[in-house]
mmCIF file of all heavy atoms, coordinates in Angstrom:
data_MODEL
# 
_entry.id   MODEL 
# 
loop_
_atom_site.group_PDB 
_atom_site.id 
_atom_site.type_symbol 
_atom_site.label_atom_id 
_atom_site.label_alt_id 
_atom_site.label_comp_id 
_atom_site.label_asym_id 
_atom_site.label_entity_id 
_atom_site.label_seq_id 
_atom_site.pdbx_PDB_ins_code 
_atom_site.Cartn_x 
_atom_site.Cartn_y 
_atom_site.Cartn_z 
_atom_site.occupancy 
_atom_site.B_iso_or_equiv 
_atom_site.pdbx_formal_charge 
_atom_site.auth_seq_id 
_atom_site.auth_comp_id 
_atom_site.auth_asym_id 
_atom_site.auth_atom_id 
_atom_site.pdbx_PDB_model_num 
ATOM 1   N N   . ALA A 1 1  ? -57.867 5.059  6.688  1.00 0.00 ? 1  ALA A N   1 
ATOM 2   C CA  . ALA A 1 1  ? -57.137 3.880  6.124  1.00 0.00 ? 1  ALA A CA  1 
ATOM 3   C C   . ALA A 1 1  ? -56.835 4.063  4.646  1.00 0.00 ? 1  ALA A C   1 
ATOM 4   O O   . ALA A 1 1  ? -55.662 3.741  4.194  1.00 0.00 ? 1  ALA A O   1 
ATOM 5   C CB  . ALA A 1 1  ? -58.021 2.635  6.244  1.00 0.00 ? 1  ALA A CB  1 
ATOM 6   N N   . THR A 1 2  ? -57.760 4.749  3.835  1.00 0.00 ? 2  THR A N   1 
ATOM 7   C CA  . THR A 1 2  ? -57.551 4.985  2.459  1.00 0.00 ? 2  THR A CA  1 
ATOM 8   C C   . THR A 1 2  ? -56.365 5.948  2.220  1.00 0.00 ? 2  THR A C   1 
ATOM 9   O O   . THR A 1 2  ? -55.532 5.778  1.410  1.00 0.00 ? 2  THR A O   1 
ATOM 10  C CB  . THR A 1 2  ? -58.754 5.448  1.785  1.00 0.00 ? 2  THR A CB  1 
ATOM 11  O OG1 . THR A 1 2  ? -59.858 4.585  1.957  1.00 0.00 ? 2  THR A OG1 1 
ATOM 12  C CG2 . THR A 1 2  ? -58.502 5.708  0.361  1.00 0.00 ? 2  THR A CG2 1 
ATOM 13  N N   . ASN A 1 3  ? -56.343 6.934  3.107  1.00 0.00 ? 3  ASN A N   1 
ATOM 14  C CA  . ASN A 1 3  ? -55.315 8.032  2.995  1.00 0.00 ? 3  ASN A CA  1 
ATOM 15  C C   . ASN A 1 3  ? -53.898 7.456  3.344  1.00 0.00 ? 3  ASN A C   1 
ATOM 16  O O   . ASN A 1 3  ? -52.899 7.669  2.572  1.00 0.00 ? 3  ASN A O   1 
ATOM 17  C CB  . ASN A 1 3  ? -55.595 9.151  3.949  1.00 0.00 ? 3  ASN A CB  1 
ATOM 18  C CG  . ASN A 1 3  ? -54.504 10.268 3.916  1.00 0.00 ? 3  ASN A CG  1 
ATOM 19  O OD1 . ASN A 1 3  ? -54.267 10.781 2.906  1.00 0.00 ? 3  ASN A OD1 1 
ATOM 20  N ND2 . ASN A 1 3  ? -53.921 10.489 4.993  1.00 0.00 ? 3  ASN A ND2 1 
ATOM 21  N N   . ALA A 1 4  ? -53.908 6.545  4.355  1.00 0.00 ? 4  ALA A N   1 
ATOM 22  C CA  . ALA A 1 4  ? -52.669 5.927  4.709  1.00 0.00 ? 4  ALA A CA  1 
ATOM 23  C C   . ALA A 1 4  ? -52.082 4.966  3.555  1.00 0.00 ? 4  ALA A C   1 
ATOM 24  O O   . ALA A 1 4  ? -50.863 5.047  3.285  1.00 0.00 ? 4  ALA A O   1 
ATOM 25  C CB  . ALA A 1 4  ? -52.825 5.121  5.999  1.00 0.00 ? 4  ALA A CB  1 
ATOM 26  N N   . LEU A 1 5  ? -52.973 4.243  2.992  1.00 0.00 ? 5  LEU A N   1 
ATOM 27  C CA  . LEU A 1 5  ? -52.520 3.283  1.906  1.00 0.00 ? 5  LEU A CA  1 
ATOM 28  C C   . LEU A 1 5  ? -52.145 4.080  0.679  1.00 0.00 ? 5  LEU A C   1 
ATOM 29  O O   . LEU A 1 5  ? -51.271 3.632  -0.054 1.00 0.00 ? 5  LEU A O   1 
ATOM 30  C CB  . LEU A 1 5  ? -53.612 2.299  1.643  1.00 0.00 ? 5  LEU A CB  1 
ATOM 31  C CG  . LEU A 1 5  ? -53.421 0.960  2.504  1.00 0.00 ? 5  LEU A CG  1 
ATOM 32  C CD1 . LEU A 1 5  ? -52.138 0.275  1.900  1.00 0.00 ? 5  LEU A CD1 1 
ATOM 33  C CD2 . LEU A 1 5  ? -53.304 1.157  3.906  1.00 0.00 ? 5  LEU A CD2 1 
ATOM 34  N N   . HIS A 1 6  ? -52.863 5.241  0.441  1.00 0.00 ? 6  HIS A N   1 
ATOM 35  C CA  . HIS A 1 6  ? -52.458 6.037  -0.774 1.00 0.00 ? 6  HIS A CA  1 
ATOM 36  C C   . HIS A 1 6  ? -50.981 6.521  -0.508 1.00 0.00 ? 6  HIS A C   1 
ATOM 37  O O   . HIS A 1 6  ? -50.112 6.414  -1.418 1.00 0.00 ? 6  HIS A O   1 
ATOM 38  C CB  . HIS A 1 6  ? -53.362 7.205  -0.973 1.00 0.00 ? 6  HIS A CB  1 
ATOM 39  C CG  . HIS A 1 6  ? -54.509 6.823  -1.825 1.00 0.00 ? 6  HIS A CG  1 
ATOM 40  N ND1 . HIS A 1 6  ? -54.444 6.648  -3.171 1.00 0.00 ? 6  HIS A ND1 1 
ATOM 41  C CD2 . HIS A 1 6  ? -55.839 6.623  -1.385 1.00 0.00 ? 6  HIS A CD2 1 
ATOM 42  C CE1 . HIS A 1 6  ? -55.683 6.434  -3.704 1.00 0.00 ? 6  HIS A CE1 1 
ATOM 43  N NE2 . HIS A 1 6  ? -56.512 6.347  -2.636 1.00 0.00 ? 6  HIS A NE2 1 
ATOM 44  N N   . GLN A 1 7  ? -50.646 7.025  0.724  1.00 0.00 ? 7  GLN A N   1 
ATOM 45  C CA  . GLN A 1 7  ? -49.340 7.466  1.010  1.00 0.00 ? 7  GLN A CA  1 
ATOM 46  C C   . GLN A 1 7  ? -48.400 6.285  0.956  1.00 0.00 ? 7  GLN A C   1 
ATOM 47  O O   . GLN A 1 7  ? -47.235 6.446  0.416  1.00 0.00 ? 7  GLN A O   1 
ATOM 48  C CB  . GLN A 1 7  ? -49.299 8.141  2.365  1.00 0.00 ? 7  GLN A CB  1 
ATOM 49  C CG  . GLN A 1 7  ? -50.038 9.381  2.449  1.00 0.00 ? 7  GLN A CG  1 
ATOM 50  C CD  . GLN A 1 7  ? -49.826 10.022 3.835  1.00 0.00 ? 7  GLN A CD  1 
ATOM 51  O OE1 . GLN A 1 7  ? -48.792 10.394 4.237  1.00 0.00 ? 7  GLN A OE1 1 
ATOM 52  N NE2 . GLN A 1 7  ? -51.001 10.188 4.529  1.00 0.00 ? 7  GLN A NE2 1 
ATOM 53  N N   . PHE A 1 8  ? -48.722 5.096  1.453  1.00 0.00 ? 8  PHE A N   1 
ATOM 54  C CA  . PHE A 1 8  ? -47.791 3.996  1.367  1.00 0.00 ? 8  PHE A CA  1 
ATOM 55  C C   . PHE A 1 8  ? -47.497 3.642  -0.084 1.00 0.00 ? 8  PHE A C   1 
ATOM 56  O O   . PHE A 1 8  ? -46.437 3.404  -0.470 1.00 0.00 ? 8  PHE A O   1 
ATOM 57  C CB  . PHE A 1 8  ? -48.487 2.758  2.091  1.00 0.00 ? 8  PHE A CB  1 
ATOM 58  C CG  . PHE A 1 8  ? -47.707 1.485  1.933  1.00 0.00 ? 8  PHE A CG  1 
ATOM 59  C CD1 . PHE A 1 8  ? -46.637 1.259  2.742  1.00 0.00 ? 8  PHE A CD1 1 
ATOM 60  C CD2 . PHE A 1 8  ? -48.111 0.606  0.970  1.00 0.00 ? 8  PHE A CD2 1 
ATOM 61  C CE1 . PHE A 1 8  ? -45.914 0.078  2.668  1.00 0.00 ? 8  PHE A CE1 1 
ATOM 62  C CE2 . PHE A 1 8  ? -47.333 -0.594 0.852  1.00 0.00 ? 8  PHE A CE2 1 
ATOM 63  C CZ  . PHE A 1 8  ? -46.310 -0.863 1.681  1.00 0.00 ? 8  PHE A CZ  1 
ATOM 64  N N   . ALA A 1 9  ? -48.483 3.589  -0.951 1.00 0.00 ? 9  ALA A N   1 
ATOM 65  C CA  . ALA A 1 9  ? -48.343 3.269  -2.313 1.00 0.00 ? 9  ALA A CA  1 
ATOM 66  C C   . ALA A 1 9  ? -47.320 4.271  -3.015 1.00 0.00 ? 9  ALA A C   1 
ATOM 67  O O   . ALA A 1 9  ? -46.431 3.740  -3.777 1.00 0.00 ? 9  ALA A O   1 
ATOM 68  C CB  . ALA A 1 9  ? -49.671 3.289  -3.094 1.00 0.00 ? 9  ALA A CB  1 
ATOM 69  N N   . HIS A 1 10 ? -47.537 5.466  -2.805 1.00 0.00 ? 10 HIS A N   1 
ATOM 70  C CA  . HIS A 1 10 ? -46.628 6.463  -3.476 1.00 0.00 ? 10 HIS A CA  1 
ATOM 71  C C   . HIS A 1 10 ? -45.232 6.424  -2.853 1.00 0.00 ? 10 HIS A C   1 
ATOM 72  O O   . HIS A 1 10 ? -44.255 7.041  -3.424 1.00 0.00 ? 10 HIS A O   1 
ATOM 73  C CB  . HIS A 1 10 ? -47.168 7.895  -3.343 1.00 0.00 ? 10 HIS A CB  1 
ATOM 74  C CG  . HIS A 1 10 ? -48.395 8.020  -4.243 1.00 0.00 ? 10 HIS A CG  1 
ATOM 75  N ND1 . HIS A 1 10 ? -48.186 8.217  -5.655 1.00 0.00 ? 10 HIS A ND1 1 
ATOM 76  C CD2 . HIS A 1 10 ? -49.694 8.059  -3.968 1.00 0.00 ? 10 HIS A CD2 1 
ATOM 77  C CE1 . HIS A 1 10 ? -49.400 8.349  -6.243 1.00 0.00 ? 10 HIS A CE1 1 
ATOM 78  N NE2 . HIS A 1 10 ? -50.348 8.304  -5.239 1.00 0.00 ? 10 HIS A NE2 1 
ATOM 79  N N   . SER A 1 11 ? -45.002 5.819  -1.709 1.00 0.00 ? 11 SER A N   1 
ATOM 80  C CA  . SER A 1 11 ? -43.633 5.681  -1.075 1.00 0.00 ? 11 SER A CA  1 
ATOM 81  C C   . SER A 1 11 ? -42.784 4.504  -1.780 1.00 0.00 ? 11 SER A C   1 
ATOM 82  O O   . SER A 1 11 ? -41.583 4.510  -1.506 1.00 0.00 ? 11 SER A O   1 
ATOM 83  C CB  . SER A 1 11 ? -43.737 5.466  0.367  1.00 0.00 ? 11 SER A CB  1 
ATOM 84  O OG  . SER A 1 11 ? -44.142 4.144  0.668  1.00 0.00 ? 11 SER A OG  1 
ATOM 85  N N   . LEU A 1 12 ? -43.520 3.648  -2.477 1.00 0.00 ? 12 LEU A N   1 
ATOM 86  C CA  . LEU A 1 12 ? -42.826 2.450  -2.972 1.00 0.00 ? 12 LEU A CA  1 
ATOM 87  C C   . LEU A 1 12 ? -41.651 2.718  -3.933 1.00 0.00 ? 12 LEU A C   1 
ATOM 88  O O   . LEU A 1 12 ? -40.611 2.075  -3.719 1.00 0.00 ? 12 LEU A O   1 
ATOM 89  C CB  . LEU A 1 12 ? -43.794 1.519  -3.579 1.00 0.00 ? 12 LEU A CB  1 
ATOM 90  C CG  . LEU A 1 12 ? -44.828 0.877  -2.626 1.00 0.00 ? 12 LEU A CG  1 
ATOM 91  C CD1 . LEU A 1 12 ? -45.968 0.046  -3.453 1.00 0.00 ? 12 LEU A CD1 1 
ATOM 92  C CD2 . LEU A 1 12 ? -44.062 -0.031 -1.710 1.00 0.00 ? 12 LEU A CD2 1 
ATOM 93  N N   . PRO A 1 13 ? -41.690 3.683  -4.834 1.00 0.00 ? 13 PRO A N   1 
ATOM 94  C CA  . PRO A 1 13 ? -40.449 3.975  -5.683 1.00 0.00 ? 13 PRO A CA  1 
ATOM 95  C C   . PRO A 1 13 ? -39.270 4.379  -4.745 1.00 0.00 ? 13 PRO A C   1 
ATOM 96  O O   . PRO A 1 13 ? -38.189 3.917  -5.038 1.00 0.00 ? 13 PRO A O   1 
ATOM 97  C CB  . PRO A 1 13 ? -40.953 5.057  -6.563 1.00 0.00 ? 13 PRO A CB  1 
ATOM 98  C CG  . PRO A 1 13 ? -42.467 4.880  -6.701 1.00 0.00 ? 13 PRO A CG  1 
ATOM 99  C CD  . PRO A 1 13 ? -42.833 4.418  -5.370 1.00 0.00 ? 13 PRO A CD  1 
ATOM 100 N N   . GLN A 1 14 ? -39.506 5.238  -3.881 1.00 0.00 ? 14 GLN A N   1 
ATOM 101 C CA  . GLN A 1 14 ? -38.383 5.611  -2.932 1.00 0.00 ? 14 GLN A CA  1 
ATOM 102 C C   . GLN A 1 14 ? -37.863 4.455  -2.157 1.00 0.00 ? 14 GLN A C   1 
ATOM 103 O O   . GLN A 1 14 ? -36.712 4.294  -1.896 1.00 0.00 ? 14 GLN A O   1 
ATOM 104 C CB  . GLN A 1 14 ? -38.821 6.805  -1.992 1.00 0.00 ? 14 GLN A CB  1 
ATOM 105 C CG  . GLN A 1 14 ? -37.795 7.210  -0.948 1.00 0.00 ? 14 GLN A CG  1 
ATOM 106 C CD  . GLN A 1 14 ? -36.592 7.883  -1.603 1.00 0.00 ? 14 GLN A CD  1 
ATOM 107 O OE1 . GLN A 1 14 ? -36.695 8.765  -2.405 1.00 0.00 ? 14 GLN A OE1 1 
ATOM 108 N NE2 . GLN A 1 14 ? -35.370 7.300  -1.361 1.00 0.00 ? 14 GLN A NE2 1 
ATOM 109 N N   . LEU A 1 15 ? -38.854 3.691  -1.695 1.00 0.00 ? 15 LEU A N   1 
ATOM 110 C CA  . LEU A 1 15 ? -38.377 2.483  -0.890 1.00 0.00 ? 15 LEU A CA  1 
ATOM 111 C C   . LEU A 1 15 ? -37.593 1.554  -1.695 1.00 0.00 ? 15 LEU A C   1 
ATOM 112 O O   . LEU A 1 15 ? -36.609 0.977  -1.254 1.00 0.00 ? 15 LEU A O   1 
ATOM 113 C CB  . LEU A 1 15 ? -39.722 1.789  -0.447 1.00 0.00 ? 15 LEU A CB  1 
ATOM 114 C CG  . LEU A 1 15 ? -39.668 0.704  0.620  1.00 0.00 ? 15 LEU A CG  1 
ATOM 115 C CD1 . LEU A 1 15 ? -40.919 0.684  1.443  1.00 0.00 ? 15 LEU A CD1 1 
ATOM 116 C CD2 . LEU A 1 15 ? -39.322 -0.659 0.051  1.00 0.00 ? 15 LEU A CD2 1 
ATOM 117 N N   . ARG A 1 16 ? -37.910 1.306  -2.977 1.00 0.00 ? 16 ARG A N   1 
ATOM 118 C CA  . ARG A 1 16 ? -37.083 0.539  -3.937 1.00 0.00 ? 16 ARG A CA  1 
ATOM 119 C C   . ARG A 1 16 ? -35.713 1.119  -3.967 1.00 0.00 ? 16 ARG A C   1 
ATOM 120 O O   . ARG A 1 16 ? -34.681 0.426  -4.030 1.00 0.00 ? 16 ARG A O   1 
ATOM 121 C CB  . ARG A 1 16 ? -37.728 0.372  -5.224 1.00 0.00 ? 16 ARG A CB  1 
ATOM 122 C CG  . ARG A 1 16 ? -36.879 -0.208 -6.407 1.00 0.00 ? 16 ARG A CG  1 
ATOM 123 C CD  . ARG A 1 16 ? -36.301 -1.601 -6.123 1.00 0.00 ? 16 ARG A CD  1 
ATOM 124 N NE  . ARG A 1 16 ? -35.179 -1.851 -6.935 1.00 0.00 ? 16 ARG A NE  1 
ATOM 125 C CZ  . ARG A 1 16 ? -35.175 -2.651 -7.982 1.00 0.00 ? 16 ARG A CZ  1 
ATOM 126 N NH1 . ARG A 1 16 ? -36.280 -3.361 -8.427 1.00 0.00 ? 16 ARG A NH1 1 
ATOM 127 N NH2 . ARG A 1 16 ? -34.048 -2.812 -8.714 1.00 0.00 ? 16 ARG A NH2 1 
ATOM 128 N N   . GLN A 1 17 ? -35.595 2.479  -4.196 1.00 0.00 ? 17 GLN A N   1 
ATOM 129 C CA  . GLN A 1 17 ? -34.246 3.057  -4.262 1.00 0.00 ? 17 GLN A CA  1 
ATOM 130 C C   . GLN A 1 17 ? -33.478 2.808  -3.018 1.00 0.00 ? 17 GLN A C   1 
ATOM 131 O O   . GLN A 1 17 ? -32.243 2.585  -3.138 1.00 0.00 ? 17 GLN A O   1 
ATOM 132 C CB  . GLN A 1 17 ? -34.398 4.584  -4.590 1.00 0.00 ? 17 GLN A CB  1 
ATOM 133 C CG  . GLN A 1 17 ? -34.968 4.855  -5.972 1.00 0.00 ? 17 GLN A CG  1 
ATOM 134 C CD  . GLN A 1 17 ? -35.098 6.353  -6.184 1.00 0.00 ? 17 GLN A CD  1 
ATOM 135 O OE1 . GLN A 1 17 ? -35.474 7.183  -5.267 1.00 0.00 ? 17 GLN A OE1 1 
ATOM 136 N NE2 . GLN A 1 17 ? -34.796 6.761  -7.428 1.00 0.00 ? 17 GLN A NE2 1 
ATOM 137 N N   . TRP A 1 18 ? -34.053 2.889  -1.848 1.00 0.00 ? 18 TRP A N   1 
ATOM 138 C CA  . TRP A 1 18 ? -33.281 2.676  -0.646 1.00 0.00 ? 18 TRP A CA  1 
ATOM 139 C C   . TRP A 1 18 ? -32.871 1.222  -0.599 1.00 0.00 ? 18 TRP A C   1 
ATOM 140 O O   . TRP A 1 18 ? -31.760 0.929  -0.175 1.00 0.00 ? 18 TRP A O   1 
ATOM 141 C CB  . TRP A 1 18 ? -34.242 3.036  0.556  1.00 0.00 ? 18 TRP A CB  1 
ATOM 142 C CG  . TRP A 1 18 ? -34.285 4.449  0.886  1.00 0.00 ? 18 TRP A CG  1 
ATOM 143 C CD1 . TRP A 1 18 ? -34.542 5.430  -0.004 1.00 0.00 ? 18 TRP A CD1 1 
ATOM 144 C CD2 . TRP A 1 18 ? -34.011 5.066  2.101  1.00 0.00 ? 18 TRP A CD2 1 
ATOM 145 N NE1 . TRP A 1 18 ? -34.455 6.680  0.641  1.00 0.00 ? 18 TRP A NE1 1 
ATOM 146 C CE2 . TRP A 1 18 ? -34.171 6.448  1.955  1.00 0.00 ? 18 TRP A CE2 1 
ATOM 147 C CE3 . TRP A 1 18 ? -33.742 4.587  3.412  1.00 0.00 ? 18 TRP A CE3 1 
ATOM 148 C CZ2 . TRP A 1 18 ? -34.020 7.431  2.936  1.00 0.00 ? 18 TRP A CZ2 1 
ATOM 149 C CZ3 . TRP A 1 18 ? -33.575 5.532  4.519  1.00 0.00 ? 18 TRP A CZ3 1 
ATOM 150 C CH2 . TRP A 1 18 ? -33.764 6.943  4.286  1.00 0.00 ? 18 TRP A CH2 1 
ATOM 151 N N   . LEU A 1 19 ? -33.726 0.259  -1.007 1.00 0.00 ? 19 LEU A N   1 
ATOM 152 C CA  . LEU A 1 19 ? -33.329 -1.154 -0.972 1.00 0.00 ? 19 LEU A CA  1 
ATOM 153 C C   . LEU A 1 19 ? -32.205 -1.361 -1.926 1.00 0.00 ? 19 LEU A C   1 
ATOM 154 O O   . LEU A 1 19 ? -31.365 -2.228 -1.667 1.00 0.00 ? 19 LEU A O   1 
ATOM 155 C CB  . LEU A 1 19 ? -34.606 -2.015 -1.286 1.00 0.00 ? 19 LEU A CB  1 
ATOM 156 C CG  . LEU A 1 19 ? -35.556 -2.167 -0.172 1.00 0.00 ? 19 LEU A CG  1 
ATOM 157 C CD1 . LEU A 1 19 ? -36.943 -2.671 -0.756 1.00 0.00 ? 19 LEU A CD1 1 
ATOM 158 C CD2 . LEU A 1 19 ? -35.088 -2.860 0.960  1.00 0.00 ? 19 LEU A CD2 1 
ATOM 159 N N   . ASP A 1 20 ? -32.142 -0.699 -3.058 1.00 0.00 ? 20 ASP A N   1 
ATOM 160 C CA  . ASP A 1 20 ? -31.034 -0.849 -3.984 1.00 0.00 ? 20 ASP A CA  1 
ATOM 161 C C   . ASP A 1 20 ? -29.748 -0.561 -3.286 1.00 0.00 ? 20 ASP A C   1 
ATOM 162 O O   . ASP A 1 20 ? -28.707 -1.160 -3.524 1.00 0.00 ? 20 ASP A O   1 
ATOM 163 C CB  . ASP A 1 20 ? -31.269 0.041  -5.301 1.00 0.00 ? 20 ASP A CB  1 
ATOM 164 C CG  . ASP A 1 20 ? -32.220 -0.590 -6.174 1.00 0.00 ? 20 ASP A CG  1 
ATOM 165 O OD1 . ASP A 1 20 ? -32.616 -1.724 -6.007 1.00 0.00 ? 20 ASP A OD1 1 
ATOM 166 O OD2 . ASP A 1 20 ? -32.749 0.262  -7.081 1.00 0.00 ? 20 ASP A OD2 1 
ATOM 167 N N   . THR A 1 21 ? -29.652 0.546  -2.430 1.00 0.00 ? 21 THR A N   1 
ATOM 168 C CA  . THR A 1 21 ? -28.514 0.824  -1.726 1.00 0.00 ? 21 THR A CA  1 
ATOM 169 C C   . THR A 1 21 ? -28.176 -0.286 -0.696 1.00 0.00 ? 21 THR A C   1 
ATOM 170 O O   . THR A 1 21 ? -26.946 -0.572 -0.437 1.00 0.00 ? 21 THR A O   1 
ATOM 171 C CB  . THR A 1 21 ? -28.575 2.181  -0.997 1.00 0.00 ? 21 THR A CB  1 
ATOM 172 O OG1 . THR A 1 21 ? -29.480 2.112  0.058  1.00 0.00 ? 21 THR A OG1 1 
ATOM 173 C CG2 . THR A 1 21 ? -29.067 3.317  -1.927 1.00 0.00 ? 21 THR A CG2 1 
ATOM 174 N N   . ASP A 1 22 ? -29.145 -0.812 -0.109 1.00 0.00 ? 22 ASP A N   1 
ATOM 175 C CA  . ASP A 1 22 ? -28.866 -1.969 0.762  1.00 0.00 ? 22 ASP A CA  1 
ATOM 176 C C   . ASP A 1 22 ? -28.233 -3.119 0.132  1.00 0.00 ? 22 ASP A C   1 
ATOM 177 O O   . ASP A 1 22 ? -27.364 -3.795 0.492  1.00 0.00 ? 22 ASP A O   1 
ATOM 178 C CB  . ASP A 1 22 ? -30.214 -2.383 1.499  1.00 0.00 ? 22 ASP A CB  1 
ATOM 179 C CG  . ASP A 1 22 ? -30.805 -1.322 2.338  1.00 0.00 ? 22 ASP A CG  1 
ATOM 180 O OD1 . ASP A 1 22 ? -30.000 -0.357 2.824  1.00 0.00 ? 22 ASP A OD1 1 
ATOM 181 O OD2 . ASP A 1 22 ? -32.001 -1.288 2.481  1.00 0.00 ? 22 ASP A OD2 1 
ATOM 182 N N   . VAL A 1 23 ? -28.886 -3.421 -1.061 1.00 0.00 ? 23 VAL A N   1 
ATOM 183 C CA  . VAL A 1 23 ? -28.374 -4.582 -1.794 1.00 0.00 ? 23 VAL A CA  1 
ATOM 184 C C   . VAL A 1 23 ? -26.897 -4.304 -2.295 1.00 0.00 ? 23 VAL A C   1 
ATOM 185 O O   . VAL A 1 23 ? -26.056 -5.241 -2.267 1.00 0.00 ? 23 VAL A O   1 
ATOM 186 C CB  . VAL A 1 23 ? -29.270 -4.780 -3.167 1.00 0.00 ? 23 VAL A CB  1 
ATOM 187 C CG1 . VAL A 1 23 ? -28.719 -5.771 -4.134 1.00 0.00 ? 23 VAL A CG1 1 
ATOM 188 C CG2 . VAL A 1 23 ? -30.646 -5.274 -2.651 1.00 0.00 ? 23 VAL A CG2 1 
ATOM 189 N N   . LEU A 1 24 ? -26.649 -3.131 -2.795 1.00 0.00 ? 24 LEU A N   1 
ATOM 190 C CA  . LEU A 1 24 ? -25.237 -2.846 -3.136 1.00 0.00 ? 24 LEU A CA  1 
ATOM 191 C C   . LEU A 1 24 ? -24.268 -2.889 -1.930 1.00 0.00 ? 24 LEU A C   1 
ATOM 192 O O   . LEU A 1 24 ? -23.081 -3.437 -2.104 1.00 0.00 ? 24 LEU A O   1 
ATOM 193 C CB  . LEU A 1 24 ? -25.188 -1.413 -3.782 1.00 0.00 ? 24 LEU A CB  1 
ATOM 194 C CG  . LEU A 1 24 ? -25.692 -1.358 -5.228 1.00 0.00 ? 24 LEU A CG  1 
ATOM 195 C CD1 . LEU A 1 24 ? -25.662 0.097  -5.733 1.00 0.00 ? 24 LEU A CD1 1 
ATOM 196 C CD2 . LEU A 1 24 ? -24.770 -2.186 -6.161 1.00 0.00 ? 24 LEU A CD2 1 
ATOM 197 N N   . ALA A 1 25 ? -24.781 -2.418 -0.818 1.00 0.00 ? 25 ALA A N   1 
ATOM 198 C CA  . ALA A 1 25 ? -23.921 -2.486 0.447  1.00 0.00 ? 25 ALA A CA  1 
ATOM 199 C C   . ALA A 1 25 ? -23.535 -3.956 0.711  1.00 0.00 ? 25 ALA A C   1 
ATOM 200 O O   . ALA A 1 25 ? -22.441 -4.230 0.997  1.00 0.00 ? 25 ALA A O   1 
ATOM 201 C CB  . ALA A 1 25 ? -24.539 -1.807 1.541  1.00 0.00 ? 25 ALA A CB  1 
ATOM 202 N N   . ALA A 1 26 ? -24.513 -4.853 0.635  1.00 0.00 ? 26 ALA A N   1 
ATOM 203 C CA  . ALA A 1 26 ? -24.294 -6.257 0.855  1.00 0.00 ? 26 ALA A CA  1 
ATOM 204 C C   . ALA A 1 26 ? -23.339 -6.849 -0.182 1.00 0.00 ? 26 ALA A C   1 
ATOM 205 O O   . ALA A 1 26 ? -22.426 -7.574 0.210  1.00 0.00 ? 26 ALA A O   1 
ATOM 206 C CB  . ALA A 1 26 ? -25.587 -7.033 0.902  1.00 0.00 ? 26 ALA A CB  1 
ATOM 207 N N   . PHE A 1 27 ? -23.585 -6.564 -1.450 1.00 0.00 ? 27 PHE A N   1 
ATOM 208 C CA  . PHE A 1 27 ? -22.699 -7.062 -2.476 1.00 0.00 ? 27 PHE A CA  1 
ATOM 209 C C   . PHE A 1 27 ? -21.213 -6.586 -2.309 1.00 0.00 ? 27 PHE A C   1 
ATOM 210 O O   . PHE A 1 27 ? -20.259 -7.321 -2.447 1.00 0.00 ? 27 PHE A O   1 
ATOM 211 C CB  . PHE A 1 27 ? -23.265 -6.748 -3.888 1.00 0.00 ? 27 PHE A CB  1 
ATOM 212 C CG  . PHE A 1 27 ? -22.342 -7.025 -4.967 1.00 0.00 ? 27 PHE A CG  1 
ATOM 213 C CD1 . PHE A 1 27 ? -22.085 -8.402 -5.376 1.00 0.00 ? 27 PHE A CD1 1 
ATOM 214 C CD2 . PHE A 1 27 ? -21.633 -6.029 -5.764 1.00 0.00 ? 27 PHE A CD2 1 
ATOM 215 C CE1 . PHE A 1 27 ? -21.191 -8.708 -6.352 1.00 0.00 ? 27 PHE A CE1 1 
ATOM 216 C CE2 . PHE A 1 27 ? -20.835 -6.379 -6.814 1.00 0.00 ? 27 PHE A CE2 1 
ATOM 217 C CZ  . PHE A 1 27 ? -20.621 -7.736 -7.121 1.00 0.00 ? 27 PHE A CZ  1 
ATOM 218 N N   . GLN A 1 28 ? -21.040 -5.336 -2.091 1.00 0.00 ? 28 GLN A N   1 
ATOM 219 C CA  . GLN A 1 28 ? -19.690 -4.658 -1.959 1.00 0.00 ? 28 GLN A CA  1 
ATOM 220 C C   . GLN A 1 28 ? -19.050 -5.053 -0.638 1.00 0.00 ? 28 GLN A C   1 
ATOM 221 O O   . GLN A 1 28 ? -17.817 -5.077 -0.656 1.00 0.00 ? 28 GLN A O   1 
ATOM 222 C CB  . GLN A 1 28 ? -19.869 -3.176 -2.160 1.00 0.00 ? 28 GLN A CB  1 
ATOM 223 C CG  . GLN A 1 28 ? -20.289 -2.803 -3.542 1.00 0.00 ? 28 GLN A CG  1 
ATOM 224 C CD  . GLN A 1 28 ? -20.658 -1.302 -3.619 1.00 0.00 ? 28 GLN A CD  1 
ATOM 225 O OE1 . GLN A 1 28 ? -20.703 -0.604 -2.660 1.00 0.00 ? 28 GLN A OE1 1 
ATOM 226 N NE2 . GLN A 1 28 ? -20.944 -0.795 -4.873 1.00 0.00 ? 28 GLN A NE2 1 
ATOM 227 N N   . GLY A 1 29 ? -19.914 -5.367 0.317  1.00 0.00 ? 29 GLY A N   1 
ATOM 228 C CA  . GLY A 1 29 ? -19.293 -5.633 1.720  1.00 0.00 ? 29 GLY A CA  1 
ATOM 229 C C   . GLY A 1 29 ? -19.031 -7.067 1.962  1.00 0.00 ? 29 GLY A C   1 
ATOM 230 O O   . GLY A 1 29 ? -18.405 -7.437 3.015  1.00 0.00 ? 29 GLY A O   1 
# 
């Protein structure tokens, strides 16, 4: 469980970057 949550925590910056592309796609579309 601890290993999984450590990996999840470190994925959050990339996750935010992906969400930024989704937000821009919605705004532009």
